[in-house]
C-alpha atoms as a PDB file:
ATOM      1  CA  MET A   1      50.377  61.018 119.294  1.00  0.00           C
ATOM      2  CA  ALA A   2      48.098  63.436 118.954  1.00  0.00           C
ATOM      3  CA  GLY A   3      48.874  65.076 122.220  1.00  0.00           C
ATOM      4  CA  THR A   4      52.696  65.135 121.227  1.00  0.00           C
ATOM      5  CA  GLN A   5      52.042  67.140 118.097  1.00  0.00           C
ATOM      6  CA  ILE A   6      49.962  69.420 119.814  1.00  0.00           C
ATOM      7  CA  SER A   7      52.324  69.955 122.433  1.00  0.00           C
ATOM      8  CA  ARG A   8      54.963  70.262 119.768  1.00  0.00           C
ATOM      9  CA  TRP A   9      52.823  73.039 117.748  1.00  0.00           C
ATOM     10  CA  PHE A  10      52.289  74.840 121.247  1.00  0.00           C
ATOM     11  CA  ASN A  11      55.962  74.815 121.503  1.00  0.00           C
ATOM     12  CA  TRP A  12      56.538  76.099 118.319  1.00  0.00           C
ATOM     13  CA  LEU A  13      53.923  78.828 118.784  1.00  0.00           C
ATOM     14  CA  ASP A  14      55.499  80.039 122.208  1.00  0.00           C
ATOM     15  CA  SER A  15      58.909  80.217 120.510  1.00  0.00           C
ATOM     16  CA  ASN A  16      57.938  82.797 118.069  1.00  0.00           C
ATOM     17  CA  PRO A  17      58.459  86.715 118.147  1.00  0.00           C
ATOM     18  CA  ALA A  18      55.916  88.701 120.355  1.00  0.00           C
ATOM     19  CA  TRP A  19      54.327  89.979 116.871  1.00  0.00           C
ATOM     20  CA  GLN A  20      54.595  86.776 115.227  1.00  0.00           C
ATOM     21  CA  PHE A  21      52.598  84.944 118.178  1.00  0.00           C
ATOM     22  CA  LEU A  22      49.831  87.624 118.392  1.00  0.00           C
ATOM     23  CA  SER A  23      49.593  87.694 114.641  1.00  0.00           C
ATOM     24  CA  ILE A  24      49.113  83.632 114.740  1.00  0.00           C
ATOM     25  CA  LEU A  25      46.783  84.031 117.711  1.00  0.00           C
ATOM     26  CA  TYR A  26      44.769  86.657 115.979  1.00  0.00           C
ATOM     27  CA  VAL A  27      44.171  84.513 112.539  1.00  0.00           C
ATOM     28  CA  LEU A  28      43.625  81.387 114.522  1.00  0.00           C
ATOM     29  CA  ARG A  29      40.911  83.254 116.659  1.00  0.00           C
ATOM     30  CA  TRP A  30      39.418  84.955 113.582  1.00  0.00           C
ATOM     31  CA  LEU A  31      39.465  81.033 111.426  1.00  0.00           C
ATOM     32  CA  LEU A  32      37.787  79.523 114.723  1.00  0.00           C
ATOM     33  CA  LEU A  33      35.171  82.146 115.277  1.00  0.00           C
ATOM     34  CA  THR A  34      34.012  83.143 111.731  1.00  0.00           C
ATOM     35  CA  PRO A  35      32.035  80.441 110.938  1.00  0.00           C
ATOM     36  CA  TYR A  36      30.184  80.373 113.672  1.00  0.00           C
ATOM     37  CA  MET A  37      29.631  84.089 113.384  1.00  0.00           C
ATOM     38  CA  ILE A  38      28.331  83.663 110.002  1.00  0.00           C
ATOM     39  CA  ALA A  39      26.010  80.653 111.355  1.00  0.00           C
ATOM     40  CA  GLU A  40      24.843  82.950 114.319  1.00  0.00           C
ATOM     41  CA  GLU A  41      23.515  85.635 111.949  1.00  0.00           C
ATOM     42  CA  PHE A  42      20.885  83.076 111.379  1.00  0.00           C
ATOM     43  CA  ILE A  43      20.388  81.577 114.762  1.00  0.00           C
ATOM     44  CA  PHE A  44      20.134  84.571 116.413  1.00  0.00           C
ATOM     45  CA  ALA A  45      18.646  87.028 113.907  1.00  0.00           C
ATOM     46  CA  ASP A  46      15.621  87.782 115.963  1.00  0.00           C
ATOM     47  CA  ASP A  47      17.967  88.692 119.083  1.00  0.00           C
ATOM     48  CA  GLN A  48      16.190  91.932 120.505  1.00  0.00           C
ATOM     49  CA  VAL A  49      19.124  92.135 123.339  1.00  0.00           C
ATOM     50  CA  TRP A  50      21.654  92.002 120.599  1.00  0.00           C
ATOM     51  CA  VAL A  51      19.795  94.682 118.105  1.00  0.00           C
ATOM     52  CA  ASP A  52      19.147  96.769 121.163  1.00  0.00           C
ATOM     53  CA  MET A  53      22.695  96.968 122.177  1.00  0.00           C
ATOM     54  CA  SER A  54      24.321  97.400 118.496  1.00  0.00           C
ATOM     55  CA  SER A  55      21.695 100.488 118.086  1.00  0.00           C
ATOM     56  CA  LYS A  56      22.438 102.170 121.169  1.00  0.00           C
ATOM     57  CA  LEU A  57      26.193 101.877 120.596  1.00  0.00           C
ATOM     58  CA  SER A  58      26.039 103.214 117.277  1.00  0.00           C
ATOM     59  CA  GLU A  59      24.362 106.443 118.880  1.00  0.00           C
ATOM     60  CA  ILE A  60      27.905 106.995 120.643  1.00  0.00           C
ATOM     61  CA  ASN A  61      29.931 109.287 119.112  1.00  0.00           C
ATOM     62  CA  PRO A  62      32.604 107.124 116.966  1.00  0.00           C
ATOM     63  CA  ALA A  63      35.606 108.546 118.485  1.00  0.00           C
ATOM     64  CA  LEU A  64      34.262 107.862 121.973  1.00  0.00           C
ATOM     65  CA  LEU A  65      33.457 104.713 121.168  1.00  0.00           C
ATOM     66  CA  PHE A  66      36.607 103.934 119.444  1.00  0.00           C
ATOM     67  CA  TYR A  67      38.459 105.068 123.047  1.00  0.00           C
ATOM     68  CA  LEU A  68      36.031 102.568 125.138  1.00  0.00           C
ATOM     69  CA  VAL A  69      35.761  99.515 122.764  1.00  0.00           C
ATOM     70  CA  VAL A  70      39.252  99.350 121.538  1.00  0.00           C
ATOM     71  CA  VAL A  71      41.200 100.682 124.697  1.00  0.00           C
ATOM     72  CA  ILE A  72      39.355 101.093 128.352  1.00  0.00           C
ATOM     73  CA  SER A  73      37.184  97.735 127.823  1.00  0.00           C
ATOM     74  CA  PRO A  74      40.015  95.396 127.179  1.00  0.00           C
ATOM     75  CA  LEU A  75      42.105  96.734 129.530  1.00  0.00           C
ATOM     76  CA  LEU A  76      39.857  96.466 132.095  1.00  0.00           C
ATOM     77  CA  GLU A  77      38.959  93.269 131.083  1.00  0.00           C
ATOM     78  CA  THR A  78      42.021  92.001 131.030  1.00  0.00           C
ATOM     79  CA  LEU A  79      42.730  93.188 134.242  1.00  0.00           C
ATOM     80  CA  PHE A  80      39.670  91.520 135.491  1.00  0.00           C
ATOM     81  CA  GLU A  81      39.530  88.467 133.409  1.00  0.00           C
ATOM     82  CA  CYS A  82      43.330  87.603 133.408  1.00  0.00           C
ATOM     83  CA  SER A  83      45.501  89.458 136.031  1.00  0.00           C
ATOM     84  CA  LEU A  84      43.594  88.677 138.924  1.00  0.00           C
ATOM     85  CA  PRO A  85      42.977  84.714 138.252  1.00  0.00           C
ATOM     86  CA  PHE A  86      46.370  84.496 137.039  1.00  0.00           C
ATOM     87  CA  PHE A  87      47.826  86.229 140.204  1.00  0.00           C
ATOM     88  CA  VAL A  88      45.125  84.181 142.568  1.00  0.00           C
ATOM     89  CA  LEU A  89      46.160  80.908 140.906  1.00  0.00           C
ATOM     90  CA  SER A  90      50.043  82.175 140.923  1.00  0.00           C
ATOM     91  CA  LEU A  91      49.644  82.323 145.329  1.00  0.00           C
ATOM     92  CA  ILE A  92      47.787  78.623 145.165  1.00  0.00           C
ATOM     93  CA  HIS A  93      50.651  77.490 142.988  1.00  0.00           C
ATOM     94  CA  LYS A  94      53.650  79.046 144.638  1.00  0.00           C
ATOM     95  CA  LYS A  95      53.488  76.783 147.355  1.00  0.00           C
ATOM     96  CA  LYS A  96      54.464  74.048 144.285  1.00  0.00           C
ATOM     97  CA  GLY A  97      56.929  76.363 142.964  1.00  0.00           C
ATOM     98  CA  ARG A  98      55.653  77.894 139.999  1.00  0.00           C
ATOM     99  CA  LEU A  99      52.633  78.164 137.390  1.00  0.00           C
ATOM    100  CA  PRO A 100      52.919  75.322 135.065  1.00  0.00           C
ATOM    101  CA  THR A 101      54.066  76.202 131.589  1.00  0.00           C
ATOM    102  CA  ARG A 102      50.833  75.924 130.002  1.00  0.00           C
ATOM    103  CA  PRO A 103      48.479  77.290 132.442  1.00  0.00           C
ATOM    104  CA  TRP A 104      45.101  75.308 131.310  1.00  0.00           C
ATOM    105  CA  LEU A 105      43.216  76.030 134.536  1.00  0.00           C
ATOM    106  CA  PHE A 106      43.890  79.362 134.272  1.00  0.00           C
ATOM    107  CA  VAL A 107      42.839  79.360 130.555  1.00  0.00           C
ATOM    108  CA  ILE A 108      39.736  77.981 131.582  1.00  0.00           C
ATOM    109  CA  ILE A 109      38.518  80.178 134.364  1.00  0.00           C
ATOM    110  CA  SER A 110      39.717  83.261 132.519  1.00  0.00           C
ATOM    111  CA  ALA A 111      37.358  82.371 129.242  1.00  0.00           C
ATOM    112  CA  LEU A 112      34.062  81.480 132.159  1.00  0.00           C
ATOM    113  CA  LEU A 113      34.763  85.100 133.343  1.00  0.00           C
ATOM    114  CA  MET A 114      34.897  86.125 129.930  1.00  0.00           C
ATOM    115  CA  THR A 115      31.726  84.781 129.154  1.00  0.00           C
ATOM    116  CA  LEU A 116      29.950  86.156 132.302  1.00  0.00           C
ATOM    117  CA  LEU A 117      30.760  89.273 131.314  1.00  0.00           C
ATOM    118  CA  HIS A 118      29.089  88.962 128.265  1.00  0.00           C
ATOM    119  CA  PRO A 119      25.966  87.443 128.974  1.00  0.00           C
ATOM    120  CA  VAL A 120      24.163  88.111 125.145  1.00  0.00           C
ATOM    121  CA  MET A 121      23.392  84.371 124.025  1.00  0.00           C
ATOM    122  CA  ALA A 122      24.988  85.606 120.485  1.00  0.00           C
ATOM    123  CA  ALA A 123      28.300  86.185 122.439  1.00  0.00           C
ATOM    124  CA  ILE A 124      28.535  83.379 124.860  1.00  0.00           C
ATOM    125  CA  VAL A 125      30.762  80.896 122.183  1.00  0.00           C
ATOM    126  CA  PRO A 126      32.245  83.494 120.813  1.00  0.00           C
ATOM    127  CA  ALA A 127      33.019  85.172 124.676  1.00  0.00           C
ATOM    128  CA  PHE A 128      34.287  81.960 125.724  1.00  0.00           C
ATOM    129  CA  ILE A 129      36.929  81.099 123.056  1.00  0.00           C
ATOM    130  CA  SER A 130      38.114  84.815 122.894  1.00  0.00           C
ATOM    131  CA  GLY A 131      38.589  84.563 126.693  1.00  0.00           C
ATOM    132  CA  ALA A 132      40.588  81.234 126.116  1.00  0.00           C
ATOM    133  CA  PHE A 133      42.830  82.957 123.381  1.00  0.00           C
ATOM    134  CA  PHE A 134      43.462  85.963 125.368  1.00  0.00           C
ATOM    135  CA  ALA A 135      44.185  84.100 128.724  1.00  0.00           C
ATOM    136  CA  TYR A 136      46.698  81.712 126.685  1.00  0.00           C
ATOM    137  CA  CYS A 137      48.150  85.335 125.239  1.00  0.00           C
ATOM    138  CA  TYR A 138      48.175  86.431 129.150  1.00  0.00           C
ATOM    139  CA  ALA A 139      49.905  83.194 130.004  1.00  0.00           C
ATOM    140  CA  HIS A 140      52.569  83.319 127.627  1.00  0.00           C
ATOM    141  CA  PHE A 141      53.765  86.804 128.505  1.00  0.00           C
ATOM    142  CA  ALA A 142      53.044  86.706 132.069  1.00  0.00           C
ATOM    143  CA  PRO A 143      56.889  85.124 132.987  1.00  0.00           C
ATOM    144  CA  GLN A 144      57.947  88.580 131.259  1.00  0.00           C
ATOM    145  CA  GLY A 145      56.187  90.454 134.016  1.00  0.00           C
ATOM    146  CA  PHE A 146      52.466  91.866 134.650  1.00  0.00           C
ATOM    147  CA  ARG A 147      53.603  95.113 132.480  1.00  0.00           C
ATOM    148  CA  TYR A 148      54.316  92.829 129.332  1.00  0.00           C
ATOM    149  CA  ALA A 149      51.103  90.430 129.734  1.00  0.00           C
ATOM    150  CA  VAL A 150      48.951  93.023 130.443  1.00  0.00           C
ATOM    151  CA  MET A 151      49.943  95.255 127.377  1.00  0.00           C
ATOM    152  CA  TYR A 152      50.300  92.337 124.897  1.00  0.00           C
ATOM    153  CA  THR A 153      46.707  91.041 125.947  1.00  0.00           C
ATOM    154  CA  THR A 154      45.132  94.451 125.912  1.00  0.00           C
ATOM    155  CA  ALA A 155      46.631  95.293 122.395  1.00  0.00           C
ATOM    156  CA  PHE A 156      45.520  91.547 121.236  1.00  0.00           C
ATOM    157  CA  HIS A 157      41.875  92.100 122.618  1.00  0.00           C
ATOM    158  CA  GLY A 158      41.546  95.702 121.353  1.00  0.00           C
ATOM    159  CA  ALA A 159      42.669  94.377 117.852  1.00  0.00           C
ATOM    160  CA  VAL A 160      39.877  92.097 117.969  1.00  0.00           C
ATOM    161  CA  ASN A 161      37.840  94.675 118.997  1.00  0.00           C
ATOM    162  CA  ILE A 162      38.575  97.201 116.202  1.00  0.00           C
ATOM    163  CA  VAL A 163      36.483  94.864 114.146  1.00  0.00           C
ATOM    164  CA  GLY A 164      33.198  95.380 116.415  1.00  0.00           C
ATOM    165  CA  TRP A 165      33.892  99.134 116.675  1.00  0.00           C
ATOM    166  CA  THR A 166      34.115  99.087 112.418  1.00  0.00           C
ATOM    167  CA  THR A 167      30.988  96.938 112.694  1.00  0.00           C
ATOM    168  CA  ILE A 168      29.090  99.159 114.502  1.00  0.00           C
ATOM    169  CA  VAL A 169      30.487 102.594 112.990  1.00  0.00           C
ATOM    170  CA  ILE A 170      29.463 101.120 109.486  1.00  0.00           C
ATOM    171  CA  GLY A 171      26.333  99.671 110.098  1.00  0.00           C
ATOM    172  CA  SER A 172      25.315 102.685 111.925  1.00  0.00           C
ATOM    173  CA  ASN A 173      26.174 104.881 108.370  1.00  0.00           C
ATOM    174  CA  THR A 174      24.153 102.493 106.390  1.00  0.00           C
END
């Protein structure tokens, strides 16, 4: 019963226009992660790696940091974490005809790659969850073509990173 409701929910999500699909994913990601992120402020308050990294990033020109964090990083991460595993799994599944409608193995692999690229203790859970959201986004748009999958996933990832960029820039000015 629950599986059927979840499947119906994903069918509904996938039937939305691109802007609504991305907006829903964006809000859901924040709803899922915000409680954890609030708790991690207390759990990882003394995480020196996190403090040092934020301090170094705040020294970079805000416009350059924006370009790196909101444009370049999401693009490169989308190519490495989504495009590469999607391509490999597509080759493997070519023998079977095509990828499943919702390739959950791809989502898990992509989320694990995201986690590996963000090895700071405070970032492991958010990286895995975000990686799963980005991978689902990529898989949703991949049937329309590589360009669309990369463009929409990079935009989604960039919109998430704007929050981090804002936090770094505002934090350095206080």
